[in-house]
Amino acid sequence: MTAPESGGGGVVAEIATPHGPARITRHDADGEARGVLLLGHGAGGGVGAPDLVAAAGVAVTAGMRVVLVEQPYRVAGRRAPAPAVQLDTAWLAVVEHVRAGTDLRLPLLFGGRSSGARVACRTAAEGAAAGVMCLAFPVHPPGKPEKDRLHELAAPTVPVLVVQGESDPFGRPDPAPGREVVMLRGNHSLRSDMPGLRAAVAGWLAQRFEAVPVAG
């Protein structure tokens, strides 16, 4: 299956969660899969966000099966995001479904943009993620640096990639042990430097497969 270009295509299914059905769109790897990457959307957008589509395309080319995850509130047509505990519970229900249908030798990586990155970080331990990819992690609400969410970003004990815009009003996280931060020109949308985003994702995935080989 070819890499996603606009959020369309792929194999679509609805998955039951405690908070209503979530929707997944699966894009198979180019060749034999080396791992699975689940990607969640931001609070006010969907899985067609340009940075998500770009990251998914890179991952497919790199041998990943990509699963784009739409939260139940979006599937139900609601614009306001659900509370964090509901987002996390629904995400983990999708993870369980994907893991049940995946070769157990394949590592699962979590990821997402903005709110979806927060969900990926918060659930990494319980969901047994092998790595976390954060696109435009919202360190704090705009203009309120005192209300930071760095504890969420620090929660995963597995390798973390953060791709962030230099002028993101949601803040700029610092690198830390196990956390790679790639700064790109532009803001929270990450649209200003798609080549830089693709290069960051490709490099990080290459590192992960060196660190987490797939059993023969």
Foldseek 3Di string as FASTA:
>chain_A
DAQFDQLDDADKDWFDFPVGTKIKGKDFAPPAAQAEEEEEEALQDACRQVLNSLLRNLQSPVRYIYIYIGARCVVVVHRGDDDLVSRLRNVLSVLVVVCVVDDVLHAYEYEYEAVSQLSRLQCCVVSVHQEYEYELHQQAPQPCNVRGDVVSVVRDPHAYEYEAEPAESSDADDADVSYHYHYDHDYRSPPPCSVSSSVSSNVVVVVSCVVRPGDD
